[in-house]
Amino acid sequence: MSIIGWYKENAFLTEFDFDNEIVTGNMEVYARLVDVSMLSFALKEDNTYEITDADIGFEGNIVIPYKYKNIEVTGIGENAFLNCANISGVEIPQSVKWIGNSAFSGCYNLTDIVLPDGLQSLGSAAFNGCSKLTTIEVPETITTLESKIFQNCRGLTSIILHENIDYIGNYAFKGCSNLENLTIPQSVTYLGIEALRQCSKLRSITIPQTITELSQALFSECTGLYEINLPENLEVIGTSAFYKCTGLTSINLPSSLKEIKSTAFSSCSGLQNVNLPNGLRTLGYAAFQCCTGLTSVTIPGSLTSIAGLIFERCSSLQNINIMMSESRFDSVANRSNWDKGIPDSCRINYYG
């Protein structure tokens, strides 16, 4: 057994503050004990303990002690609770400053966890596959969300992020299929590959002004997404960034945009009209392939490269307005088969 605190009541409601409270007479305090026999600890070089392992048969709520052998516990190590499938809750003391890679990965019955305010580091895949978590707040002291940190947390409906975060890693929220509420802090400068892929209940999102490129498959298969606010200085929309975002009916592309990569809007069947901004230079392979609701597109005169199958199987397409002469556009297209697969009834209009 290990003491995790001293309290004024035997129900452990009010912790006694030894540093600041003055005792003027006899009083009783109650030690709260926790069984640590199913936990393994390692003493670190800084003379604090980290939890390195837990019995995979651990069931119910886990209370992590703030001290072990009268020495502070400051870390939860890599894989410490990996696949502890029967854990339902974890109480983490304020003494814990870091949580390692995959520390709680595969704890699919975990429903309740509060991260301590002073936490400084969260490892990659720390909560990967914790499919019964419903809400979580990331402390203000965290600046980086590593890759796969909440991947496949299918029960998450809300994640609270603070303005100190500047990096959201690859696959960070991939597969969070019930995520409805997410505000990306304006401090974020990087949104990783597939970071929000398959977040199918996400309805609306605003991308920070600090982002100049949308990563590969960033919102791929976000089928419920109907509104997205893009930053004014966005330059690149990555490969498959909006693949199968079937809920999008329109999108305002900023004038700063220079490149739309391959399959960026492929299978966005709800898109109806697209105005590509003047200043766009590159349209990648199959960028709007299978956008079956698309009726009209305007291609700017700034375009210098267009790949093949851009509008293949856009069965409702009626007009493609090209803001340059036919001869100039032919040199841009350079026999790319850009128009392969468009309806025979679609009119291609040249202006220039």
Protein backbone atom coordinates (compact mmCIF):
# COMPACT_ATOMS: atom_id res chain seq x y z
CA MET A 1 0.00 0.00 0.00
CA SER A 2 1.09 3.58 -0.63
CA ILE A 3 -0.18 6.86 0.83
CA ILE A 4 -1.51 9.22 -1.83
CA GLY A 5 -2.66 12.02 0.44
CA TRP A 6 -3.82 13.20 3.84
CA TYR A 7 -7.41 14.37 4.26
CA LYS A 8 -9.59 16.09 6.85
CA GLU A 9 -12.40 13.55 6.50
CA ASN A 10 -12.39 9.79 6.25
CA ALA A 11 -14.37 10.21 3.01
CA PHE A 12 -11.25 11.88 1.52
CA LEU A 13 -13.03 15.06 0.41
CA THR A 14 -10.67 17.83 1.58
CA GLU A 15 -6.92 17.39 1.35
CA PHE A 16 -4.92 18.76 4.28
CA ASP A 17 -2.37 21.41 3.26
CA PHE A 18 0.66 20.78 5.47
CA ASP A 19 2.52 23.75 3.99
CA ASN A 20 -0.06 26.44 4.63
CA GLU A 21 -2.59 25.30 7.24
CA ILE A 22 -1.99 26.14 10.90
CA VAL A 23 -2.99 23.57 13.52
CA THR A 24 -4.11 25.21 16.77
CA GLY A 25 -5.22 22.09 18.61
CA ASN A 26 -5.67 18.37 18.39
CA MET A 27 -7.07 17.18 15.09
CA GLU A 28 -7.29 13.98 13.09
CA VAL A 29 -6.16 13.56 9.51
CA TYR A 30 -6.81 10.50 7.41
CA ALA A 31 -4.34 8.81 5.13
CA ARG A 32 -5.68 7.73 1.77
CA LEU A 33 -4.01 4.49 0.77
CA VAL A 34 -3.82 2.83 -2.60
CA ASP A 35 -2.77 -0.69 -3.55
CA VAL A 36 0.28 -0.44 -5.81
CA SER A 37 1.04 -4.16 -5.90
CA MET A 38 -0.10 -4.38 -9.54
CA LEU A 39 2.17 -1.52 -10.61
CA SER A 40 5.89 -1.56 -11.37
CA PHE A 41 8.10 1.46 -10.65
CA ALA A 42 11.57 2.51 -11.75
CA LEU A 43 13.77 5.08 -10.05
CA LYS A 44 15.03 7.69 -12.51
CA GLU A 45 18.26 9.65 -12.51
CA ASP A 46 16.55 12.71 -11.06
CA ASN A 47 15.54 10.63 -8.01
CA THR A 48 11.86 10.42 -8.94
CA TYR A 49 9.83 7.38 -9.89
CA GLU A 50 8.05 6.48 -13.08
CA ILE A 51 5.47 3.76 -13.57
CA THR A 52 6.86 1.27 -16.06
CA ASP A 53 4.23 -1.46 -16.14
CA ALA A 54 0.83 -2.53 -14.86
CA ASP A 55 -0.75 -5.96 -14.49
CA ILE A 56 -2.86 -6.45 -17.62
CA GLY A 57 -5.58 -7.96 -15.44
CA PHE A 58 -6.09 -4.69 -13.56
CA GLU A 59 -9.83 -3.89 -13.37
CA GLY A 60 -11.84 -0.79 -12.49
CA ASN A 61 -10.35 2.54 -11.44
CA ILE A 62 -6.63 3.07 -11.02
CA VAL A 63 -5.33 5.63 -8.55
CA ILE A 64 -1.73 6.53 -9.25
CA PRO A 65 0.16 7.56 -6.09
CA TYR A 66 1.97 10.88 -6.02
CA LYS A 67 4.71 9.21 -3.98
CA TYR A 68 6.23 5.74 -3.91
CA LYS A 69 8.59 4.85 -1.07
CA ASN A 70 8.29 8.50 -0.05
CA ILE A 71 9.66 9.67 -3.43
CA GLU A 72 7.57 11.57 -6.00
CA VAL A 73 6.07 9.77 -8.98
CA THR A 74 6.60 12.11 -11.94
CA GLY A 75 6.10 9.93 -15.00
CA ILE A 76 3.98 7.22 -16.62
CA GLY A 77 6.31 5.29 -18.87
CA GLU A 78 6.05 4.01 -22.42
CA ASN A 79 3.49 1.19 -22.77
CA ALA A 80 2.90 1.30 -19.00
CA PHE A 81 -0.84 0.45 -19.26
CA LEU A 82 -0.78 -0.89 -22.83
CA ASN A 83 -3.84 -3.08 -23.53
CA CYS A 84 -5.10 -2.96 -19.95
CA ALA A 85 -8.55 -3.46 -21.41
CA ASN A 86 -10.45 -3.60 -18.10
CA ILE A 87 -9.40 -0.21 -16.74
CA SER A 88 -12.40 2.13 -16.52
CA GLY A 89 -10.85 5.21 -14.91
CA VAL A 90 -7.47 6.68 -14.00
CA GLU A 91 -6.69 9.26 -11.33
CA ILE A 92 -3.39 10.97 -12.08
CA PRO A 93 -1.75 13.14 -9.39
CA GLN A 94 -0.38 16.63 -10.01
CA SER A 95 3.14 15.28 -9.49
CA VAL A 96 3.04 13.53 -12.90
CA LYS A 97 4.78 15.70 -15.51
CA TRP A 98 4.93 13.36 -18.50
CA ILE A 99 3.08 10.43 -20.05
CA GLY A 100 5.04 8.19 -22.42
CA ASN A 101 4.35 6.73 -25.86
CA SER A 102 1.36 4.33 -25.96
CA ALA A 103 1.00 4.62 -22.19
CA PHE A 104 -2.76 3.92 -22.27
CA SER A 105 -3.05 2.58 -25.81
CA GLY A 106 -5.64 -0.15 -26.15
CA CYS A 107 -7.43 0.67 -22.89
CA TYR A 108 -10.73 0.46 -24.72
CA ASN A 109 -12.91 0.46 -21.58
CA LEU A 110 -11.33 3.64 -20.21
CA THR A 111 -14.14 6.19 -19.81
CA ASP A 112 -12.72 8.77 -17.42
CA ILE A 113 -9.37 10.48 -17.16
CA VAL A 114 -8.33 13.97 -16.05
CA LEU A 115 -4.88 15.10 -17.13
CA PRO A 116 -2.99 17.04 -14.43
CA ASP A 117 -2.58 20.79 -14.88
CA GLY A 118 1.21 20.75 -14.81
CA LEU A 119 1.62 18.00 -17.42
CA GLN A 120 4.50 18.86 -19.76
CA SER A 121 4.63 15.99 -22.23
CA LEU A 122 2.20 13.55 -23.86
CA GLY A 123 3.76 10.77 -25.92
CA SER A 124 2.65 9.53 -29.32
CA ALA A 125 -0.33 7.15 -29.35
CA ALA A 126 -0.76 7.78 -25.60
CA PHE A 127 -4.52 7.13 -25.81
CA ASN A 128 -4.71 5.33 -29.14
CA GLY A 129 -7.78 3.09 -29.28
CA CYS A 130 -9.36 4.31 -26.04
CA SER A 131 -12.71 4.01 -27.74
CA LYS A 132 -14.93 4.76 -24.70
CA LEU A 133 -13.39 8.10 -23.76
CA THR A 134 -16.04 10.77 -24.40
CA THR A 135 -14.37 14.07 -23.48
CA ILE A 136 -10.87 15.20 -22.67
CA GLU A 137 -9.14 18.48 -21.91
CA VAL A 138 -5.49 18.91 -22.80
CA PRO A 139 -3.70 21.04 -20.15
CA GLU A 140 -2.39 24.49 -21.06
CA THR A 141 1.17 23.32 -20.38
CA ILE A 142 1.11 20.98 -23.41
CA THR A 143 2.43 22.55 -26.63
CA THR A 144 2.70 19.46 -28.85
CA LEU A 145 0.18 16.74 -29.69
CA GLU A 146 2.24 13.83 -30.97
CA SER A 147 1.23 11.42 -33.73
CA LYS A 148 -1.72 9.05 -33.14
CA ILE A 149 -2.28 10.51 -29.67
CA PHE A 150 -6.09 10.09 -29.82
CA GLN A 151 -6.34 7.90 -32.91
CA ASN A 152 -9.43 5.67 -33.00
CA CYS A 153 -10.93 7.19 -29.85
CA ARG A 154 -14.32 6.58 -31.42
CA GLY A 155 -16.31 7.69 -28.36
CA LEU A 156 -14.77 11.16 -28.15
CA THR A 157 -17.34 13.87 -28.83
CA SER A 158 -15.35 16.86 -27.58
CA ILE A 159 -11.68 17.72 -27.14
CA ILE A 160 -10.62 20.96 -25.45
CA LEU A 161 -7.34 22.40 -26.71
CA HIS A 162 -5.68 25.57 -25.42
CA GLU A 163 -3.87 28.31 -27.31
CA ASN A 164 -0.38 27.12 -26.33
CA ILE A 165 -0.48 24.20 -28.77
CA ASP A 166 1.54 24.82 -31.92
CA TYR A 167 1.86 21.30 -33.38
CA ILE A 168 -0.72 18.59 -34.06
CA GLY A 169 0.95 15.43 -35.33
CA ASN A 170 0.11 12.88 -38.01
CA TYR A 171 -3.07 10.82 -37.40
CA ALA A 172 -3.63 12.68 -34.10
CA PHE A 173 -7.45 12.41 -34.23
CA LYS A 174 -7.86 9.92 -37.08
CA GLY A 175 -10.90 7.69 -36.64
CA CYS A 176 -12.53 9.82 -33.92
CA SER A 177 -15.83 9.13 -35.64
CA ASN A 178 -18.06 10.77 -33.00
CA LEU A 179 -16.03 13.94 -32.63
CA GLU A 180 -18.45 16.86 -33.03
CA ASN A 181 -16.66 19.77 -31.36
CA LEU A 182 -13.08 20.77 -32.01
CA THR A 183 -11.58 24.24 -32.04
CA ILE A 184 -8.08 24.29 -33.48
CA PRO A 185 -6.07 26.94 -31.61
CA GLN A 186 -4.79 29.87 -33.66
CA SER A 187 -1.32 29.06 -32.27
CA VAL A 188 -1.13 25.83 -34.34
CA THR A 189 1.41 26.02 -37.17
CA TYR A 190 1.30 22.37 -38.29
CA LEU A 191 -1.61 20.01 -38.86
CA GLY A 192 -0.30 16.53 -39.60
CA ILE A 193 -1.06 13.96 -42.29
CA GLU A 194 -4.53 12.41 -41.80
CA ALA A 195 -4.82 14.29 -38.50
CA LEU A 196 -8.63 14.44 -38.75
CA ARG A 197 -9.32 11.65 -41.21
CA GLN A 198 -12.60 9.73 -40.70
CA CYS A 199 -13.96 12.25 -38.17
CA SER A 200 -17.33 11.67 -39.79
CA LYS A 201 -19.45 13.72 -37.34
CA LEU A 202 -17.29 16.82 -37.50
CA ARG A 203 -19.58 19.48 -38.96
CA SER A 204 -17.65 22.73 -39.09
CA ILE A 205 -14.07 23.78 -38.56
CA THR A 206 -11.84 26.84 -38.89
CA ILE A 207 -8.21 26.44 -39.93
CA PRO A 208 -5.79 28.83 -38.16
CA GLN A 209 -4.27 31.71 -40.13
CA THR A 210 -0.82 30.26 -39.35
CA ILE A 211 -1.41 27.28 -41.68
CA THR A 212 -0.12 27.63 -45.26
CA GLU A 213 -0.57 24.00 -46.38
CA LEU A 214 -3.26 21.42 -45.71
CA SER A 215 -1.56 18.06 -45.23
CA GLN A 216 -2.27 14.85 -47.09
CA ALA A 217 -5.73 13.38 -46.38
CA LEU A 218 -6.21 15.88 -43.54
CA PHE A 219 -10.04 15.76 -43.72
CA SER A 220 -10.40 12.64 -45.86
CA GLU A 221 -13.72 10.83 -45.27
CA CYS A 222 -15.10 13.55 -42.98
CA THR A 223 -18.50 12.89 -44.49
CA GLY A 224 -20.40 15.23 -42.13
CA LEU A 225 -18.22 18.25 -42.78
CA TYR A 226 -20.34 20.96 -44.41
CA GLU A 227 -18.45 24.14 -43.51
CA ILE A 228 -14.75 24.89 -43.49
CA ASN A 229 -13.07 28.26 -43.10
CA LEU A 230 -9.69 28.34 -44.80
CA PRO A 231 -6.91 30.78 -43.83
CA GLU A 232 -6.30 33.80 -46.03
CA ASN A 233 -2.66 32.86 -46.73
CA LEU A 234 -3.21 29.18 -47.60
CA GLU A 235 -0.98 28.15 -50.52
CA VAL A 236 -1.34 24.38 -50.89
CA ILE A 237 -4.21 21.90 -50.55
CA GLY A 238 -2.58 18.50 -50.14
CA THR A 239 -3.24 15.15 -51.77
CA SER A 240 -6.71 13.79 -50.88
CA ALA A 241 -7.13 16.56 -48.28
CA PHE A 242 -10.94 16.52 -48.71
CA TYR A 243 -11.40 13.08 -50.29
CA LYS A 244 -14.99 11.85 -49.77
CA CYS A 245 -16.11 14.94 -47.85
CA THR A 246 -19.57 14.34 -49.23
CA GLY A 247 -21.24 16.97 -47.02
CA LEU A 248 -19.38 19.89 -48.61
CA THR A 249 -21.61 21.80 -51.04
CA SER A 250 -19.30 24.76 -51.57
CA ILE A 251 -15.89 25.98 -50.50
CA ASN A 252 -14.31 29.42 -50.60
CA LEU A 253 -10.75 29.08 -51.83
CA PRO A 254 -8.45 31.97 -50.81
CA SER A 255 -6.69 34.13 -53.39
CA SER A 256 -3.33 33.03 -51.94
CA LEU A 257 -3.84 29.45 -53.15
CA LYS A 258 -1.11 28.24 -55.53
CA GLU A 259 -1.58 24.47 -55.76
CA ILE A 260 -4.32 21.88 -55.47
CA LYS A 261 -2.71 18.45 -55.34
CA SER A 262 -3.98 15.14 -56.72
CA THR A 263 -7.42 13.85 -55.62
CA ALA A 264 -7.73 16.82 -53.23
CA PHE A 265 -11.53 17.00 -53.67
CA SER A 266 -12.11 13.59 -55.23
CA SER A 267 -15.54 12.06 -54.47
CA CYS A 268 -16.89 15.26 -52.86
CA SER A 269 -20.28 14.42 -54.34
CA GLY A 270 -22.04 17.38 -52.68
CA LEU A 271 -19.89 20.09 -54.30
CA GLN A 272 -21.91 22.09 -56.83
CA ASN A 273 -19.86 25.09 -57.96
CA VAL A 274 -16.14 25.76 -57.74
CA ASN A 275 -14.38 29.04 -58.51
CA LEU A 276 -10.66 28.44 -58.63
CA PRO A 277 -8.87 31.65 -57.56
CA ASN A 278 -6.79 33.76 -59.87
CA GLY A 279 -3.23 33.01 -58.81
CA LEU A 280 -3.67 29.22 -58.79
CA ARG A 281 -0.83 27.63 -60.74
CA THR A 282 -1.19 23.84 -60.42
CA LEU A 283 -4.17 21.47 -60.59
CA GLY A 284 -3.17 17.93 -59.64
CA TYR A 285 -4.28 14.57 -61.01
CA ALA A 286 -7.99 13.77 -60.53
CA ALA A 287 -8.37 16.79 -58.23
CA PHE A 288 -12.19 16.84 -58.63
CA GLN A 289 -12.76 13.29 -59.85
CA CYS A 290 -16.23 11.83 -59.04
CA CYS A 291 -17.66 15.15 -57.84
CA THR A 292 -21.03 14.07 -59.17
CA GLY A 293 -22.90 17.19 -57.97
CA LEU A 294 -20.51 19.63 -59.65
CA THR A 295 -22.27 21.73 -62.29
CA SER A 296 -19.87 24.59 -63.04
CA VAL A 297 -16.13 25.29 -62.74
CA THR A 298 -14.03 28.36 -63.52
CA ILE A 299 -10.36 27.81 -64.33
CA PRO A 300 -8.19 30.95 -63.91
CA GLY A 301 -5.74 32.35 -66.43
CA SER A 302 -2.90 32.00 -63.91
CA LEU A 303 -2.81 28.19 -64.27
CA THR A 304 0.53 26.82 -65.55
CA SER A 305 0.00 23.07 -65.04
CA ILE A 306 -3.05 20.82 -65.20
CA ALA A 307 -2.93 17.03 -64.83
CA GLY A 308 -5.16 14.27 -66.15
CA LEU A 309 -8.68 13.16 -65.19
CA ILE A 310 -9.38 16.41 -63.30
CA PHE A 311 -13.16 16.15 -63.78
CA GLU A 312 -13.56 12.47 -64.62
CA ARG A 313 -17.04 11.13 -63.78
CA CYS A 314 -18.37 14.56 -62.80
CA SER A 315 -21.66 13.49 -64.31
CA SER A 316 -23.57 16.75 -63.64
CA LEU A 317 -20.94 19.08 -65.06
CA GLN A 318 -22.49 21.59 -67.48
CA ASN A 319 -19.91 24.35 -67.91
CA ILE A 320 -16.14 24.67 -67.64
CA ASN A 321 -15.10 28.32 -68.02
CA ILE A 322 -11.43 28.73 -68.87
CA MET A 323 -10.06 32.25 -68.47
CA MET A 324 -7.48 32.04 -71.28
CA SER A 325 -7.36 31.33 -74.97
CA GLU A 326 -7.77 27.80 -76.26
CA SER A 327 -4.26 27.75 -77.73
CA ARG A 328 -2.67 28.92 -74.51
CA PHE A 329 -4.64 26.42 -72.47
CA ASP A 330 -3.57 23.61 -74.80
CA SER A 331 0.05 24.41 -73.98
CA VAL A 332 -0.75 24.38 -70.26
CA ALA A 333 -2.58 21.06 -70.52
CA ASN A 334 0.24 19.57 -72.62
CA ARG A 335 -1.73 16.48 -73.70
CA SER A 336 -2.55 15.57 -70.11
CA ASN A 337 -6.04 14.17 -70.86
CA TRP A 338 -7.36 16.73 -68.39
CA ASP A 339 -10.86 16.51 -69.92
CA LYS A 340 -11.11 12.73 -70.08
CA GLY A 341 -14.32 11.42 -68.54
CA ILE A 342 -16.35 14.65 -68.51
CA PRO A 343 -19.93 14.45 -69.88
CA ASP A 344 -20.37 14.89 -73.62
CA SER A 345 -22.95 17.60 -72.93
CA CYS A 346 -20.52 19.74 -70.89
CA ARG A 347 -19.61 23.03 -72.57
CA ILE A 348 -15.99 24.20 -72.45
CA ASN A 349 -15.82 27.99 -72.79
CA TYR A 350 -12.59 29.89 -73.44
CA TYR A 351 -12.15 33.56 -72.51
CA GLY A 352 -8.92 35.19 -73.55
